[in-house]
Structure formats: C-alpha cells, structure tokens
C-alpha cells in the first residue's frame, strides 16, 4: 500500500528498536508511517525522545 502512494521503500519491523535500526540504515529525512495502536505510536515517540503532550 505504501508503494501505491509513492513510497520508494516499504518495510516492517518486529519492534520499535528494530524499526529505528532500519531508519538509520535508510538515512535521515525519510517519512515514517506508524500503523498500529496509539500505544505503539506513543512508544515510538518516547523512543525518539518526543513524548506526546
């Protein structure tokens, strides 16, 4: 689905740490879609030192 909307790379990760490792591999500036629960989105923000308000 991501490629259908113009994303050149689409991948999944087993956990937040693995996703950040993949982001480091692809380089900064990539768009990221977090698909899942609000809990997951909060975990991603916290792992990126951007806790939700």
N, C-alpha and C. Protein backbone atom coordinates (compact mmCIF):
# COMPACT_ATOMS: atom_id res chain seq x y z
N UNK A 1 0.82 -1.19 0.00
CA UNK A 1 0.00 0.00 0.00
C UNK A 1 0.87 1.26 0.00
N UNK A 2 1.98 1.24 0.75
CA UNK A 2 2.84 2.42 0.80
C UNK A 2 3.39 2.75 -0.58
N UNK A 3 3.79 1.75 -1.33
CA UNK A 3 4.32 1.99 -2.67
C UNK A 3 3.24 2.56 -3.60
N UNK A 4 2.01 2.17 -3.36
CA UNK A 4 0.89 2.66 -4.15
C UNK A 4 0.76 4.18 -4.00
N UNK A 5 1.19 4.72 -2.88
CA UNK A 5 1.09 6.15 -2.63
C UNK A 5 2.43 6.87 -2.80
N UNK A 6 3.37 6.25 -3.48
CA UNK A 6 4.60 6.93 -3.84
C UNK A 6 5.81 6.64 -2.98
N UNK A 7 5.70 5.80 -1.99
CA UNK A 7 6.86 5.45 -1.15
C UNK A 7 7.79 4.54 -1.95
N UNK A 8 9.08 4.86 -1.95
CA UNK A 8 10.02 4.04 -2.70
C UNK A 8 10.42 2.79 -1.93
N UNK A 9 10.30 2.83 -0.61
CA UNK A 9 10.67 1.71 0.23
C UNK A 9 9.58 1.49 1.27
N UNK A 10 9.16 0.27 1.43
CA UNK A 10 8.20 -0.08 2.46
C UNK A 10 8.71 -1.31 3.17
N UNK A 11 8.68 -1.29 4.49
CA UNK A 11 9.16 -2.42 5.26
C UNK A 11 8.44 -2.46 6.60
N UNK A 12 8.57 -3.56 7.28
CA UNK A 12 8.01 -3.71 8.62
C UNK A 12 9.15 -4.02 9.58
N UNK A 13 8.85 -3.93 10.86
CA UNK A 13 9.83 -4.27 11.89
C UNK A 13 9.12 -5.01 13.02
N UNK A 14 9.87 -5.86 13.70
CA UNK A 14 9.29 -6.64 14.80
C UNK A 14 9.05 -5.81 16.05
N UNK A 15 9.84 -4.74 16.23
CA UNK A 15 9.67 -3.89 17.40
C UNK A 15 10.22 -2.50 17.09
N UNK A 16 10.04 -1.59 18.03
CA UNK A 16 10.43 -0.20 17.82
C UNK A 16 11.94 -0.07 17.62
N UNK A 17 12.72 -0.80 18.39
CA UNK A 17 14.19 -0.73 18.26
C UNK A 17 14.63 -1.17 16.87
N UNK A 18 14.04 -2.23 16.36
CA UNK A 18 14.39 -2.71 15.02
C UNK A 18 13.98 -1.69 13.96
N UNK A 19 12.85 -1.03 14.18
CA UNK A 19 12.41 -0.01 13.23
C UNK A 19 13.39 1.16 13.19
N UNK A 20 13.88 1.60 14.36
CA UNK A 20 14.86 2.68 14.39
C UNK A 20 16.17 2.25 13.74
N UNK A 21 16.56 1.00 13.90
CA UNK A 21 17.76 0.49 13.22
C UNK A 21 17.58 0.57 11.70
N UNK A 22 16.40 0.22 11.22
CA UNK A 22 16.13 0.30 9.79
C UNK A 22 16.16 1.74 9.31
N UNK A 23 15.61 2.66 10.12
CA UNK A 23 15.64 4.08 9.75
C UNK A 23 17.08 4.58 9.64
N UNK A 24 17.92 4.15 10.54
CA UNK A 24 19.33 4.56 10.50
C UNK A 24 19.98 4.06 9.20
N UNK A 25 19.58 2.88 8.77
CA UNK A 25 20.13 2.31 7.53
C UNK A 25 19.69 3.11 6.31
N UNK A 26 18.42 3.52 6.28
CA UNK A 26 17.89 4.25 5.12
C UNK A 26 18.31 5.71 5.12
N UNK A 27 18.69 6.25 6.26
CA UNK A 27 19.12 7.65 6.33
C UNK A 27 18.05 8.58 6.86
N UNK A 28 18.50 9.74 7.30
CA UNK A 28 17.58 10.74 7.86
C UNK A 28 16.72 11.33 6.76
N UNK A 29 15.61 11.87 7.16
CA UNK A 29 14.73 12.55 6.22
C UNK A 29 13.68 11.67 5.60
N UNK A 30 13.66 10.41 5.93
CA UNK A 30 12.64 9.51 5.40
C UNK A 30 11.32 9.75 6.13
N UNK A 31 10.23 9.61 5.41
CA UNK A 31 8.91 9.66 6.03
C UNK A 31 8.65 8.32 6.69
N UNK A 32 7.93 8.36 7.79
CA UNK A 32 7.66 7.13 8.53
C UNK A 32 6.17 7.04 8.82
N UNK A 33 5.59 5.92 8.53
CA UNK A 33 4.20 5.64 8.87
C UNK A 33 4.20 4.63 10.00
N UNK A 34 3.61 5.00 11.12
CA UNK A 34 3.45 4.08 12.25
C UNK A 34 2.01 3.60 12.20
N UNK A 35 1.82 2.35 11.85
CA UNK A 35 0.48 1.78 11.75
C UNK A 35 0.27 0.83 12.91
N UNK A 36 -0.66 1.15 13.74
CA UNK A 36 -0.94 0.32 14.90
C UNK A 36 -1.75 1.11 15.90
N UNK A 37 -1.60 0.77 17.14
CA UNK A 37 -2.36 1.40 18.20
C UNK A 37 -1.76 2.73 18.62
N UNK A 38 -2.52 3.51 19.36
CA UNK A 38 -1.98 4.74 19.95
C UNK A 38 -0.87 4.41 20.93
N UNK A 39 -0.94 3.27 21.58
CA UNK A 39 0.13 2.84 22.47
C UNK A 39 1.43 2.70 21.69
N UNK A 40 1.37 2.07 20.53
CA UNK A 40 2.56 1.91 19.69
C UNK A 40 3.09 3.27 19.27
N UNK A 41 2.23 4.16 18.84
CA UNK A 41 2.67 5.50 18.43
C UNK A 41 3.36 6.21 19.60
N UNK A 42 2.83 6.08 20.81
CA UNK A 42 3.45 6.66 22.00
C UNK A 42 4.81 6.06 22.28
N UNK A 43 4.95 4.75 22.09
CA UNK A 43 6.24 4.09 22.27
C UNK A 43 7.27 4.62 21.28
N UNK A 44 6.85 4.82 20.04
CA UNK A 44 7.76 5.34 19.01
C UNK A 44 8.19 6.76 19.35
N UNK A 45 7.24 7.60 19.74
CA UNK A 45 7.58 8.98 20.12
C UNK A 45 8.53 8.99 21.32
N UNK A 46 8.26 8.18 22.32
CA UNK A 46 9.13 8.13 23.51
C UNK A 46 10.53 7.63 23.15
N UNK A 47 10.63 6.64 22.28
CA UNK A 47 11.93 6.12 21.87
C UNK A 47 12.73 7.15 21.09
N UNK A 48 12.02 8.11 20.48
CA UNK A 48 12.66 9.16 19.70
C UNK A 48 12.78 10.45 20.53
N UNK A 49 12.67 10.33 21.86
CA UNK A 49 12.74 11.47 22.77
C UNK A 49 11.75 12.57 22.43
N UNK A 50 10.57 12.19 21.97
CA UNK A 50 9.49 13.13 21.67
C UNK A 50 8.19 12.63 22.31
N UNK A 51 8.13 12.60 23.65
CA UNK A 51 6.93 12.08 24.29
C UNK A 51 5.70 12.92 23.93
N UNK A 52 4.55 12.28 23.80
CA UNK A 52 3.34 13.04 23.46
C UNK A 52 2.96 13.99 24.58
N UNK A 53 2.28 15.05 24.19
CA UNK A 53 1.81 16.05 25.19
C UNK A 53 0.63 15.51 25.96
